[in-house]
Structures are given as C-alpha cells and as structure tokens.
C-alpha atoms as a PDB file:
ATOM      1  CA  MET A   1     -19.215 -20.682   0.057  1.00  0.00           C
ATOM      2  CA  THR A   2     -15.544 -19.688   0.085  1.00  0.00           C
ATOM      3  CA  ASP A   3     -13.013 -22.505   0.184  1.00  0.00           C
ATOM      4  CA  TYR A   4      -9.279 -21.875  -0.137  1.00  0.00           C
ATOM      5  CA  GLY A   5      -8.581 -25.591   0.113  1.00  0.00           C
ATOM      6  CA  HIS A   6      -6.651 -25.847   3.369  1.00  0.00           C
ATOM      7  CA  ASP A   7      -7.182 -28.356   6.145  1.00  0.00           C
ATOM      8  CA  LEU A   8      -8.429 -26.844   9.377  1.00  0.00           C
ATOM      9  CA  LEU A   9      -5.925 -25.993  12.117  1.00  0.00           C
ATOM     10  CA  PHE A  10      -6.690 -25.146  15.729  1.00  0.00           C
ATOM     11  CA  GLY A  11      -4.359 -23.659  18.281  1.00  0.00           C
ATOM     12  CA  THR A  12      -3.797 -21.109  21.000  1.00  0.00           C
ATOM     13  CA  PHE A  13      -2.445 -17.596  21.244  1.00  0.00           C
ATOM     14  CA  VAL A  14      -0.793 -17.547  24.675  1.00  0.00           C
ATOM     15  CA  THR A  15      -0.729 -14.004  25.996  1.00  0.00           C
ATOM     16  CA  PRO A  16      -0.011 -14.130  29.738  1.00  0.00           C
ATOM     17  CA  THR A  17       0.729 -10.742  31.274  1.00  0.00           C
ATOM     18  CA  ASN A  18       0.587 -11.354  35.022  1.00  0.00           C
ATOM     19  CA  GLN A  19       1.424 -15.044  35.213  1.00  0.00           C
ATOM     20  CA  PRO A  20       4.369 -16.769  36.927  1.00  0.00           C
ATOM     21  CA  VAL A  21       7.591 -17.370  35.036  1.00  0.00           C
ATOM     22  CA  GLY A  22       7.196 -20.483  32.889  1.00  0.00           C
ATOM     23  CA  HIS A  23       3.411 -20.272  32.651  1.00  0.00           C
ATOM     24  CA  ALA A  24       3.479 -19.668  28.888  1.00  0.00           C
ATOM     25  CA  VAL A  25       5.588 -22.779  28.366  1.00  0.00           C
ATOM     26  CA  GLU A  26       3.247 -24.836  30.531  1.00  0.00           C
ATOM     27  CA  GLN A  27       0.340 -23.654  28.400  1.00  0.00           C
ATOM     28  CA  ALA A  28       2.204 -24.839  25.305  1.00  0.00           C
ATOM     29  CA  VAL A  29       2.524 -28.254  26.949  1.00  0.00           C
ATOM     30  CA  VAL A  30      -1.217 -28.204  27.717  1.00  0.00           C
ATOM     31  CA  ALA A  31      -2.054 -27.404  24.079  1.00  0.00           C
ATOM     32  CA  ASP A  32       0.306 -30.114  22.848  1.00  0.00           C
ATOM     33  CA  ARG A  33      -1.179 -32.800  25.111  1.00  0.00           C
ATOM     34  CA  ALA A  34      -4.717 -31.673  24.253  1.00  0.00           C
ATOM     35  CA  GLY A  35      -4.073 -32.398  20.573  1.00  0.00           C
ATOM     36  CA  LEU A  36      -4.093 -28.883  19.170  1.00  0.00           C
ATOM     37  CA  ASP A  37      -2.082 -28.120  16.045  1.00  0.00           C
ATOM     38  CA  LEU A  38      -0.374 -24.853  16.879  1.00  0.00           C
ATOM     39  CA  VAL A  39       0.703 -22.680  19.791  1.00  0.00           C
ATOM     40  CA  THR A  40       1.688 -19.053  19.281  1.00  0.00           C
ATOM     41  CA  PHE A  41       3.140 -16.289  21.457  1.00  0.00           C
ATOM     42  CA  GLN A  42       3.122 -12.487  21.328  1.00  0.00           C
ATOM     43  CA  ASP A  43       6.277 -10.652  20.269  1.00  0.00           C
ATOM     44  CA  HIS A  44       6.641  -7.240  21.899  1.00  0.00           C
ATOM     45  CA  PRO A  45      10.371  -6.939  22.664  1.00  0.00           C
ATOM     46  CA  TYR A  46       9.910  -3.426  24.083  1.00  0.00           C
ATOM     47  CA  VAL A  47       7.718  -4.729  26.948  1.00  0.00           C
ATOM     48  CA  ALA A  48      10.105  -5.616  29.771  1.00  0.00           C
ATOM     49  CA  LYS A  49       7.782  -8.039  31.585  1.00  0.00           C
ATOM     50  CA  PHE A  50       7.456 -10.294  28.510  1.00  0.00           C
ATOM     51  CA  HIS A  51       9.991 -13.020  27.829  1.00  0.00           C
ATOM     52  CA  ASP A  52      11.974 -12.833  24.595  1.00  0.00           C
ATOM     53  CA  THR A  53       9.644 -14.586  22.193  1.00  0.00           C
ATOM     54  CA  TRP A  54      12.039 -16.659  20.105  1.00  0.00           C
ATOM     55  CA  THR A  55      13.921 -17.802  23.195  1.00  0.00           C
ATOM     56  CA  LEU A  56      10.559 -18.784  24.676  1.00  0.00           C
ATOM     57  CA  ILE A  57       9.591 -20.664  21.500  1.00  0.00           C
ATOM     58  CA  GLY A  58      12.841 -22.625  21.556  1.00  0.00           C
ATOM     59  CA  TYR A  59      12.298 -23.648  25.183  1.00  0.00           C
ATOM     60  CA  ALA A  60       8.635 -24.521  24.498  1.00  0.00           C
ATOM     61  CA  ALA A  61       9.661 -26.614  21.495  1.00  0.00           C
ATOM     62  CA  ALA A  62      11.965 -28.630  23.742  1.00  0.00           C
ATOM     63  CA  ARG A  63       9.129 -29.235  26.212  1.00  0.00           C
ATOM     64  CA  THR A  64       6.570 -30.344  23.584  1.00  0.00           C
ATOM     65  CA  GLU A  65       6.390 -33.250  21.162  1.00  0.00           C
ATOM     66  CA  ARG A  66       4.174 -32.622  18.160  1.00  0.00           C
ATOM     67  CA  ILE A  67       2.615 -29.151  18.228  1.00  0.00           C
ATOM     68  CA  ARG A  68       3.818 -26.448  15.844  1.00  0.00           C
ATOM     69  CA  LEU A  69       5.019 -23.093  17.233  1.00  0.00           C
ATOM     70  CA  THR A  70       5.421 -19.504  16.093  1.00  0.00           C
ATOM     71  CA  ALA A  71       5.291 -15.857  17.111  1.00  0.00           C
ATOM     72  CA  ASN A  72       1.989 -14.072  16.722  1.00  0.00           C
ATOM     73  CA  VAL A  73       3.522 -12.066  15.116  1.00  0.00           C
ATOM     74  CA  THR A  74       7.271 -11.329  15.023  1.00  0.00           C
ATOM     75  CA  SER A  75       8.127  -7.620  15.238  1.00  0.00           C
ATOM     76  CA  LEU A  76      10.247  -7.327  12.113  1.00  0.00           C
ATOM     77  CA  PRO A  77      11.757  -3.875  12.843  1.00  0.00           C
ATOM     78  CA  LEU A  78      13.588  -5.399  15.810  1.00  0.00           C
ATOM     79  CA  ARG A  79      14.628  -8.613  14.019  1.00  0.00           C
ATOM     80  CA  LEU A  80      17.265  -8.550  11.252  1.00  0.00           C
ATOM     81  CA  PRO A  81      15.773 -10.706   8.443  1.00  0.00           C
ATOM     82  CA  ALA A  82      18.829 -12.828   7.633  1.00  0.00           C
ATOM     83  CA  VAL A  83      19.471 -13.563  11.324  1.00  0.00           C
ATOM     84  CA  LEU A  84      15.773 -14.274  11.923  1.00  0.00           C
ATOM     85  CA  ALA A  85      15.815 -16.701   8.993  1.00  0.00           C
ATOM     86  CA  ARG A  86      18.675 -18.669  10.568  1.00  0.00           C
ATOM     87  CA  SER A  87      16.983 -18.648  13.972  1.00  0.00           C
ATOM     88  CA  VAL A  88      13.757 -20.045  12.519  1.00  0.00           C
ATOM     89  CA  ALA A  89      15.578 -22.638  10.404  1.00  0.00           C
ATOM     90  CA  THR A  90      17.666 -23.790  13.371  1.00  0.00           C
ATOM     91  CA  LEU A  91      14.630 -24.191  15.614  1.00  0.00           C
ATOM     92  CA  ASP A  92      12.818 -25.997  12.821  1.00  0.00           C
ATOM     93  CA  LEU A  93      15.687 -28.478  12.534  1.00  0.00           C
ATOM     94  CA  LEU A  94      15.953 -28.987  16.286  1.00  0.00           C
ATOM     95  CA  SER A  95      12.192 -29.444  16.695  1.00  0.00           C
ATOM     96  CA  GLY A  96      11.721 -31.836  13.786  1.00  0.00           C
ATOM     97  CA  GLY A  97       9.940 -29.396  11.475  1.00  0.00           C
ATOM     98  CA  ARG A  98       7.532 -27.725  13.913  1.00  0.00           C
ATOM     99  CA  ILE A  99       8.308 -24.014  13.486  1.00  0.00           C
ATOM    100  CA  GLU A 100       6.348 -21.495  11.412  1.00  0.00           C
ATOM    101  CA  LEU A 101       6.963 -17.758  11.002  1.00  0.00           C
ATOM    102  CA  GLY A 102       4.327 -15.225  11.951  1.00  0.00           C
ATOM    103  CA  LEU A 103       5.636 -11.858  10.754  1.00  0.00           C
ATOM    104  CA  GLY A 104       4.516  -8.249  11.173  1.00  0.00           C
ATOM    105  CA  ALA A 105       5.598  -4.973   9.609  1.00  0.00           C
ATOM    106  CA  GLY A 106       5.711  -3.283  13.006  1.00  0.00           C
ATOM    107  CA  ALA A 107       3.450  -1.546  15.487  1.00  0.00           C
ATOM    108  CA  PHE A 108       3.917   0.494  18.673  1.00  0.00           C
ATOM    109  CA  TRP A 109       6.617   2.557  17.010  1.00  0.00           C
ATOM    110  CA  ASP A 110       7.540   4.489  20.157  1.00  0.00           C
ATOM    111  CA  GLY A 111       8.523   1.202  21.780  1.00  0.00           C
ATOM    112  CA  ILE A 112      10.394   0.059  18.685  1.00  0.00           C
ATOM    113  CA  ALA A 113      12.324   3.324  18.483  1.00  0.00           C
ATOM    114  CA  ALA A 114      13.116   3.167  22.203  1.00  0.00           C
ATOM    115  CA  MET A 115      14.779  -0.225  21.598  1.00  0.00           C
ATOM    116  CA  GLY A 116      16.882   1.131  18.731  1.00  0.00           C
ATOM    117  CA  GLY A 117      14.641   0.191  15.817  1.00  0.00           C
ATOM    118  CA  ARG A 118      13.924   2.519  12.928  1.00  0.00           C
ATOM    119  CA  ARG A 119      10.632   4.396  12.917  1.00  0.00           C
ATOM    120  CA  LEU A 120       9.034   3.717   9.528  1.00  0.00           C
ATOM    121  CA  SER A 121       6.001   5.111   7.745  1.00  0.00           C
ATOM    122  CA  PRO A 122       3.242   2.634   6.809  1.00  0.00           C
ATOM    123  CA  GLY A 123       4.481   2.487   3.221  1.00  0.00           C
ATOM    124  CA  GLU A 124       8.093   2.028   4.284  1.00  0.00           C
ATOM    125  CA  SER A 125       7.214  -0.730   6.739  1.00  0.00           C
ATOM    126  CA  ILE A 126       5.315  -2.678   4.063  1.00  0.00           C
ATOM    127  CA  ALA A 127       8.199  -2.369   1.596  1.00  0.00           C
ATOM    128  CA  ALA A 128      10.623  -3.475   4.309  1.00  0.00           C
ATOM    129  CA  LEU A 129       8.455  -6.489   5.111  1.00  0.00           C
ATOM    130  CA  GLU A 130       8.363  -7.610   1.491  1.00  0.00           C
ATOM    131  CA  GLU A 131      12.132  -7.252   1.216  1.00  0.00           C
ATOM    132  CA  ALA A 132      12.539  -9.248   4.419  1.00  0.00           C
ATOM    133  CA  ILE A 133      10.397 -12.108   3.108  1.00  0.00           C
ATOM    134  CA  THR A 134      12.624 -12.296   0.015  1.00  0.00           C
ATOM    135  CA  ILE A 135      15.751 -12.415   2.189  1.00  0.00           C
ATOM    136  CA  ILE A 136      14.341 -14.989   4.602  1.00  0.00           C
ATOM    137  CA  ARG A 137      13.325 -17.341   1.819  1.00  0.00           C
ATOM    138  CA  GLY A 138      16.698 -16.818   0.138  1.00  0.00           C
ATOM    139  CA  ILE A 139      18.587 -17.791   3.300  1.00  0.00           C
ATOM    140  CA  TRP A 140      16.448 -20.928   3.621  1.00  0.00           C
ATOM    141  CA  ASP A 141      17.205 -21.905   0.008  1.00  0.00           C
ATOM    142  CA  ALA A 142      20.430 -23.679   0.886  1.00  0.00           C
ATOM    143  CA  ASP A 143      20.426 -25.718  -2.345  1.00  0.00           C
ATOM    144  CA  GLN A 144      20.805 -22.582  -4.445  1.00  0.00           C
ATOM    145  CA  ARG A 145      24.414 -22.076  -5.477  1.00  0.00           C
ATOM    146  CA  GLY A 146      26.225 -18.882  -4.529  1.00  0.00           C
ATOM    147  CA  GLY A 147      25.588 -16.307  -1.874  1.00  0.00           C
ATOM    148  CA  LEU A 148      22.376 -14.368  -1.488  1.00  0.00           C
ATOM    149  CA  THR A 149      22.289 -10.800  -2.732  1.00  0.00           C
ATOM    150  CA  VAL A 150      19.218  -8.618  -2.260  1.00  0.00           C
ATOM    151  CA  GLU A 151      19.597  -4.864  -2.741  1.00  0.00           C
ATOM    152  CA  GLY A 152      16.534  -3.504  -1.024  1.00  0.00           C
ATOM    153  CA  GLU A 153      15.744   0.014   0.085  1.00  0.00           C
ATOM    154  CA  HIS A 154      15.416  -1.057   3.727  1.00  0.00           C
ATOM    155  CA  TYR A 155      17.326  -4.335   3.900  1.00  0.00           C
ATOM    156  CA  ALA A 156      20.288  -5.447   1.841  1.00  0.00           C
ATOM    157  CA  VAL A 157      22.414  -8.581   1.894  1.00  0.00           C
ATOM    158  CA  ARG A 158      25.439  -8.919  -0.342  1.00  0.00           C
ATOM    159  CA  GLY A 159      26.706 -12.434  -0.854  1.00  0.00           C
ATOM    160  CA  ALA A 160      25.222 -13.750   2.400  1.00  0.00           C
ATOM    161  CA  LYS A 161      25.856 -17.435   3.001  1.00  0.00           C
ATOM    162  CA  ARG A 162      22.682 -19.462   2.589  1.00  0.00           C
ATOM    163  CA  GLY A 163      21.441 -21.967   5.119  1.00  0.00           C
ATOM    164  CA  PRO A 164      20.819 -23.838   7.148  1.00  0.00           C
ATOM    165  CA  ALA A 165      17.871 -25.258   5.284  1.00  0.00           C
ATOM    166  CA  PRO A 166      14.944 -25.798   7.657  1.00  0.00           C
ATOM    167  CA  ALA A 167      13.530 -29.288   8.178  1.00  0.00           C
ATOM    168  CA  HIS A 168      10.395 -28.199   6.330  1.00  0.00           C
ATOM    169  CA  GLN A 169       9.480 -24.981   4.565  1.00  0.00           C
ATOM    170  CA  PRO A 170       8.121 -22.797   7.384  1.00  0.00           C
ATOM    171  CA  ALA A 171       4.989 -20.903   6.427  1.00  0.00           C
ATOM    172  CA  ILE A 172       5.219 -17.108   6.554  1.00  0.00           C
ATOM    173  CA  TRP A 173       1.979 -15.697   7.972  1.00  0.00           C
ATOM    174  CA  VAL A 174       1.575 -11.919   7.964  1.00  0.00           C
ATOM    175  CA  GLY A 175      -0.412  -9.927  10.502  1.00  0.00           C
ATOM    176  CA  ALA A 176      -2.145  -7.193   8.474  1.00  0.00           C
ATOM    177  CA  TYR A 177      -5.322  -5.101   8.169  1.00  0.00           C
ATOM    178  CA  LYS A 178      -4.942  -2.335   5.565  1.00  0.00           C
ATOM    179  CA  PRO A 179      -5.391  -2.784   1.788  1.00  0.00           C
ATOM    180  CA  ARG A 180      -1.783  -2.158   0.746  1.00  0.00           C
ATOM    181  CA  ILE A 181      -0.222  -4.660   3.143  1.00  0.00           C
ATOM    182  CA  LEU A 182      -3.008  -7.154   2.407  1.00  0.00           C
ATOM    183  CA  ARG A 183      -2.156  -6.996  -1.294  1.00  0.00           C
ATOM    184  CA  MET A 184       1.506  -7.533  -0.369  1.00  0.00           C
ATOM    185  CA  THR A 185       0.427 -10.549   1.679  1.00  0.00           C
ATOM    186  CA  GLY A 186      -1.241 -11.960  -1.413  1.00  0.00           C
ATOM    187  CA  ARG A 187       1.898 -11.325  -3.473  1.00  0.00           C
ATOM    188  CA  ALA A 188       4.507 -12.671  -1.116  1.00  0.00           C
ATOM    189  CA  ALA A 189       3.252 -14.539   1.967  1.00  0.00           C
ATOM    190  CA  ASP A 190       1.844 -17.967   2.756  1.00  0.00           C
ATOM    191  CA  GLY A 191      -0.933 -16.796   5.033  1.00  0.00           C
ATOM    192  CA  TRP A 192      -2.788 -13.951   6.679  1.00  0.00           C
ATOM    193  CA  LEU A 193      -3.053 -13.742  10.487  1.00  0.00           C
ATOM    194  CA  PRO A 194      -5.384 -11.010  11.834  1.00  0.00           C
ATOM    195  CA  SER A 195      -7.159 -10.773  15.186  1.00  0.00           C
ATOM    196  CA  VAL A 196     -10.945 -10.662  15.211  1.00  0.00           C
ATOM    197  CA  GLN A 197     -11.032  -8.018  17.954  1.00  0.00           C
ATOM    198  CA  TYR A 198      -9.263  -5.566  15.624  1.00  0.00           C
ATOM    199  CA  LEU A 199     -11.865  -5.957  12.876  1.00  0.00           C
ATOM    200  CA  PRO A 200     -14.341  -3.068  13.378  1.00  0.00           C
ATOM    201  CA  GLY A 201     -17.160  -5.012  11.771  1.00  0.00           C
ATOM    202  CA  GLY A 202     -16.193  -8.364  13.237  1.00  0.00           C
ATOM    203  CA  VAL A 203     -15.936 -11.419  11.023  1.00  0.00           C
ATOM    204  CA  ALA A 204     -18.079  -9.712   8.371  1.00  0.00           C
ATOM    205  CA  ASP A 205     -14.983  -7.638   7.502  1.00  0.00           C
ATOM    206  CA  LEU A 206     -13.197 -10.781   6.322  1.00  0.00           C
ATOM    207  CA  ALA A 207     -14.918 -10.732   2.927  1.00  0.00           C
ATOM    208  CA  GLU A 208     -13.536  -7.332   1.936  1.00  0.00           C
ATOM    209  CA  LEU A 209     -10.106  -7.949   3.447  1.00  0.00           C
ATOM    210  CA  ASN A 210      -9.849 -11.312   1.695  1.00  0.00           C
ATOM    211  CA  ARG A 211     -10.576  -9.535  -1.578  1.00  0.00           C
ATOM    212  CA  HIS A 212      -7.422  -7.419  -1.254  1.00  0.00           C
ATOM    213  CA  ILE A 213      -5.325 -10.532  -0.602  1.00  0.00           C
ATOM    214  CA  ASP A 214      -6.870 -12.283  -3.601  1.00  0.00           C
ATOM    215  CA  GLU A 215      -6.142  -9.256  -5.806  1.00  0.00           C
ATOM    216  CA  GLY A 216      -2.519  -9.172  -4.709  1.00  0.00           C
ATOM    217  CA  ALA A 217      -2.097 -12.887  -5.335  1.00  0.00           C
ATOM    218  CA  ARG A 218      -3.633 -12.755  -8.818  1.00  0.00           C
ATOM    219  CA  ALA A 219      -1.538  -9.720  -9.780  1.00  0.00           C
ATOM    220  CA  ALA A 220       1.579 -11.713  -8.874  1.00  0.00           C
ATOM    221  CA  GLY A 221       0.417 -14.757 -10.840  1.00  0.00           C
ATOM    222  CA  ARG A 222      -0.376 -16.730  -7.685  1.00  0.00           C
ATOM    223  CA  ASP A 223      -3.420 -18.784  -6.817  1.00  0.00           C
ATOM    224  CA  PRO A 224      -5.291 -16.932  -4.032  1.00  0.00           C
ATOM    225  CA  GLY A 225      -6.002 -20.345  -2.547  1.00  0.00           C
ATOM    226  CA  SER A 226      -2.295 -20.745  -1.773  1.00  0.00           C
ATOM    227  CA  VAL A 227      -2.622 -18.050   0.925  1.00  0.00           C
ATOM    228  CA  ARG A 228      -4.015 -19.563   4.113  1.00  0.00           C
ATOM    229  CA  ARG A 229      -6.478 -17.430   6.092  1.00  0.00           C
ATOM    230  CA  LEU A 230      -5.933 -17.685   9.854  1.00  0.00           C
ATOM    231  CA  LEU A 231      -7.740 -15.868  12.657  1.00  0.00           C
ATOM    232  CA  ASN A 232      -6.902 -15.007  16.255  1.00  0.00           C
ATOM    233  CA  ILE A 233     -10.089 -15.336  18.272  1.00  0.00           C
ATOM    234  CA  THR A 234     -11.245 -14.496  21.773  1.00  0.00           C
ATOM    235  CA  GLY A 235     -14.248 -15.865  23.577  1.00  0.00           C
ATOM    236  CA  GLU A 236     -15.775 -17.267  26.718  1.00  0.00           C
ATOM    237  CA  PHE A 237     -17.495 -20.585  27.324  1.00  0.00           C
ATOM    238  CA  THR A 238     -20.817 -19.869  29.018  1.00  0.00           C
ATOM    239  CA  ALA A 239     -24.030 -21.802  29.593  1.00  0.00           C
ATOM    240  CA  ALA A 240     -26.166 -19.350  27.607  1.00  0.00           C
ATOM    241  CA  GLY A 241     -25.287 -17.716  24.315  1.00  0.00           C
ATOM    242  CA  ARG A 242     -24.572 -13.983  24.384  1.00  0.00           C
ATOM    243  CA  GLY A 243     -22.867 -13.303  21.069  1.00  0.00           C
ATOM    244  CA  PHE A 244     -19.977 -14.415  18.873  1.00  0.00           C
ATOM    245  CA  LEU A 245     -17.963 -17.053  20.774  1.00  0.00           C
ATOM    246  CA  GLN A 246     -19.847 -16.224  23.949  1.00  0.00           C
ATOM    247  CA  GLY A 247     -21.751 -19.383  24.736  1.00  0.00           C
ATOM    248  CA  PRO A 248     -21.546 -23.174  25.043  1.00  0.00           C
ATOM    249  CA  PRO A 249     -19.139 -25.219  22.904  1.00  0.00           C
ATOM    250  CA  SER A 250     -21.947 -26.184  20.499  1.00  0.00           C
ATOM    251  CA  GLN A 251     -22.467 -22.499  19.677  1.00  0.00           C
ATOM    252  CA  TRP A 252     -18.747 -22.027  19.076  1.00  0.00           C
ATOM    253  CA  VAL A 253     -18.814 -24.987  16.689  1.00  0.00           C
ATOM    254  CA  GLU A 254     -21.650 -23.553  14.616  1.00  0.00           C
ATOM    255  CA  GLN A 255     -20.140 -20.075  14.498  1.00  0.00           C
ATOM    256  CA  LEU A 256     -16.608 -21.141  13.566  1.00  0.00           C
ATOM    257  CA  ALA A 257     -17.888 -23.566  10.930  1.00  0.00           C
ATOM    258  CA  GLU A 258     -19.914 -20.714   9.444  1.00  0.00           C
ATOM    259  CA  VAL A 259     -16.835 -18.481   9.315  1.00  0.00           C
ATOM    260  CA  THR A 260     -14.884 -21.212   7.546  1.00  0.00           C
ATOM    261  CA  LEU A 261     -17.597 -21.918   5.015  1.00  0.00           C
ATOM    262  CA  THR A 262     -18.385 -18.252   4.371  1.00  0.00           C
ATOM    263  CA  TYR A 263     -14.924 -16.649   4.380  1.00  0.00           C
ATOM    264  CA  GLY A 264     -12.477 -19.536   3.905  1.00  0.00           C
ATOM    265  CA  THR A 265     -10.767 -19.198   7.275  1.00  0.00           C
ATOM    266  CA  SER A 266      -8.862 -22.413   7.947  1.00  0.00           C
ATOM    267  CA  ALA A 267      -7.022 -21.819  11.234  1.00  0.00           C
ATOM    268  CA  TYR A 268      -8.284 -20.544  14.567  1.00  0.00           C
ATOM    269  CA  LEU A 269      -5.979 -19.469  17.388  1.00  0.00           C
ATOM    270  CA  LEU A 270      -7.761 -18.973  20.684  1.00  0.00           C
ATOM    271  CA  ALA A 271      -6.293 -16.370  23.024  1.00  0.00           C
ATOM    272  CA  SER A 272      -5.944 -18.402  26.183  1.00  0.00           C
ATOM    273  CA  ASP A 273      -3.656 -18.742  29.162  1.00  0.00           C
ATOM    274  CA  ASP A 274      -6.114 -20.982  31.016  1.00  0.00           C
ATOM    275  CA  THR A 275      -5.740 -24.766  31.021  1.00  0.00           C
ATOM    276  CA  ALA A 276      -9.443 -25.595  31.290  1.00  0.00           C
ATOM    277  CA  THR A 277     -10.363 -23.250  28.435  1.00  0.00           C
ATOM    278  CA  THR A 278      -7.666 -24.662  26.161  1.00  0.00           C
ATOM    279  CA  GLU A 279      -8.631 -28.247  26.912  1.00  0.00           C
ATOM    280  CA  LEU A 280     -12.334 -27.570  26.284  1.00  0.00           C
ATOM    281  CA  PHE A 281     -11.535 -25.855  22.990  1.00  0.00           C
ATOM    282  CA  ALA A 282      -9.413 -28.837  21.922  1.00  0.00           C
ATOM    283  CA  ALA A 283     -11.848 -31.534  23.056  1.00  0.00           C
ATOM    284  CA  GLU A 284     -15.261 -30.159  22.127  1.00  0.00           C
ATOM    285  CA  VAL A 285     -14.791 -27.401  19.558  1.00  0.00           C
ATOM    286  CA  ALA A 286     -11.939 -28.314  17.210  1.00  0.00           C
ATOM    287  CA  PRO A 287     -13.053 -31.846  16.224  1.00  0.00           C
ATOM    288  CA  ALA A 288     -16.694 -30.834  15.931  1.00  0.00           C
ATOM    289  CA  VAL A 289     -15.880 -27.897  13.638  1.00  0.00           C
ATOM    290  CA  ARG A 290     -13.827 -30.211  11.431  1.00  0.00           C
ATOM    291  CA  GLU A 291     -16.722 -32.657  11.259  1.00  0.00           C
ATOM    292  CA  LEU A 292     -19.351 -30.004  10.508  1.00  0.00           C
ATOM    293  CA  VAL A 293     -17.233 -28.320   7.835  1.00  0.00           C
ATOM    294  CA  GLY A 294     -16.424 -31.686   6.284  1.00  0.00           C
ATOM    295  CA  ARG A 295     -20.123 -32.540   6.017  1.00  0.00           C
ATOM    296  CA  SER A 296     -20.943 -29.144   4.531  1.00  0.00           C
ATOM    297  CA  ARG A 297     -18.247 -28.954   1.890  1.00  0.00           C
ATOM    298  CA  PRO A 298     -19.232 -30.275  -1.535  1.00  0.00           C
ATOM    299  CA  GLY A 299     -17.795 -33.674  -2.362  1.00  0.00           C
ATOM    300  CA  PRO A 300     -15.896 -34.619  -5.533  1.00  0.00           C
ATOM    301  CA  GLY A 301     -17.889 -34.572  -8.734  1.00  0.00           C
END
C-alpha cells in the first residue's frame, strides 16, 4: 500500500472543443453544484477556437461558490512567470482562496513559436520551469522584505515588487512524464498532474514514475509525501464492464480505490463536458471511493 497522506479530491477536466460559447463555464457551475472539489481547463493559447484559459477561470470563479479552479496545465512558455504569479494571486483573493496553479514546461512547440514563444529543448524547458516556480513563489511571498531578484538562465527578475499575497498558498501541480522533469517535480512542486491516456502502460506506470518524484524530493531534503499525486482520467459509464473506467459506477469505485491504495493517487479529474456524466461521477463515484479507501487504510496504532 502506498499512502502519501493526502485527502482525496475529485473534479473535472473540462475540454470542450465544439461546444457553444459559455459551455465550459456552465460545466464548472455543474461541478460546483454537484459537490466536486476542483474544476480544471485546458491551456492551449495557440488554438484559436479555445477561450483564453485564465480569463475563463476568472469568469468561472465568479459564477461558482466553493469549487477550486486551475488550468490543466498552464503553458509556461507563453506566460511570463512574475505576471502569472500576480494573475493567480489576484484571482485567489477575488475568489476567496479557490485558485490553484497547474503548470507545464511546454508542448506543441510549433504552436508556441507561432505565438511568439521561445522554442526550448526538453532540458531547457525543465530548467525554465524550475526557475519559474522560484519566481512565482517569490512574488507570492509578500511578507518578505525587499524586491525579488532571481538570476536564472531563462527567466530573470531584478528587484521585482512582491505581492499581492494570495488568500491561500496555491498549490503548484506540474504536468510531467519523463524522469528528469519528474525529479524536478519532486524537488520543487506541490503535486504531479499526468493524464492516464498518456501512460503507455496505463496506471501500472505510476509506480515507476512515482519513484522518480520520490527520488527528487529526497535529494532536495523534502518528504515525498508532501507532493500530491493527481491523475486526469477518462472513462464511460456503461451497464457492463469492459475495462478500466469502462463500466458501472461500482466498477469505477473499485478501480479508483485500488489506484489510490496501490500508487498513492489522491486526486482524480474526469475529462467531461457532459452534465449527466459529471453529476454521476460526483454522486456515485467520489463519495464511495472515499468510503472504500477510508475503510482500507490502516487506522492509528
């Protein structure tokens, strides 16, 4: 049994591509009213038919009451870290502490370059991401006296004014798959946010990928348990079981509880732009997984 000690979170990854304007926000309202913990949105600024993600998140935050929101994940090469830090902190203040920060080193480099971003090698993009995390946290640290100076190879700030401080400390969750960036995630981030469909071996790959995060955390003197393990999932509710997350809600419950107990995953974000699917996930899967995991975890003593 692997247990990183985090409470379970359930949410949605809203990825509408051919839906009416405003549909993504309505799905955030659905998730909020259904009692889910988190709603997330893609961030591909080079795709013209997608809304700007952080503008969308701000509007969705105004339309919801309790659910937390973030990008899944923010395309860092098109977001200046110090400005992104202020955007996140401002939304966190306006929403009453409901904003987190999903962050990625970059993908789809042709699109990024077409929008004016720099084309980076894998190693460069990882170094840039780690520098950005340092800058973002430094901007949020408004109680620290003096300006923020970070002389990085890819990002540099020299005496930048700190603040505003967010209402709570937003978690930084990194989308990553390769060993080097996973070790960086363990060193510097608060969580890891992959998508199950990009794992060649499915959830079985989580054991090896978790190991790289744990190694990075230990090398930096951090507790590996401080790094939350999240997972974007896809599935279909059907009467008969056909595979992983292809079956009735009871099958989903057993399979997600097994992933939590085996690999320590503590947050599941269902790709959904369908109201009925989201509501069923919230009503019949999320609470039952919490109950089953709670019964299976060893008690104190």
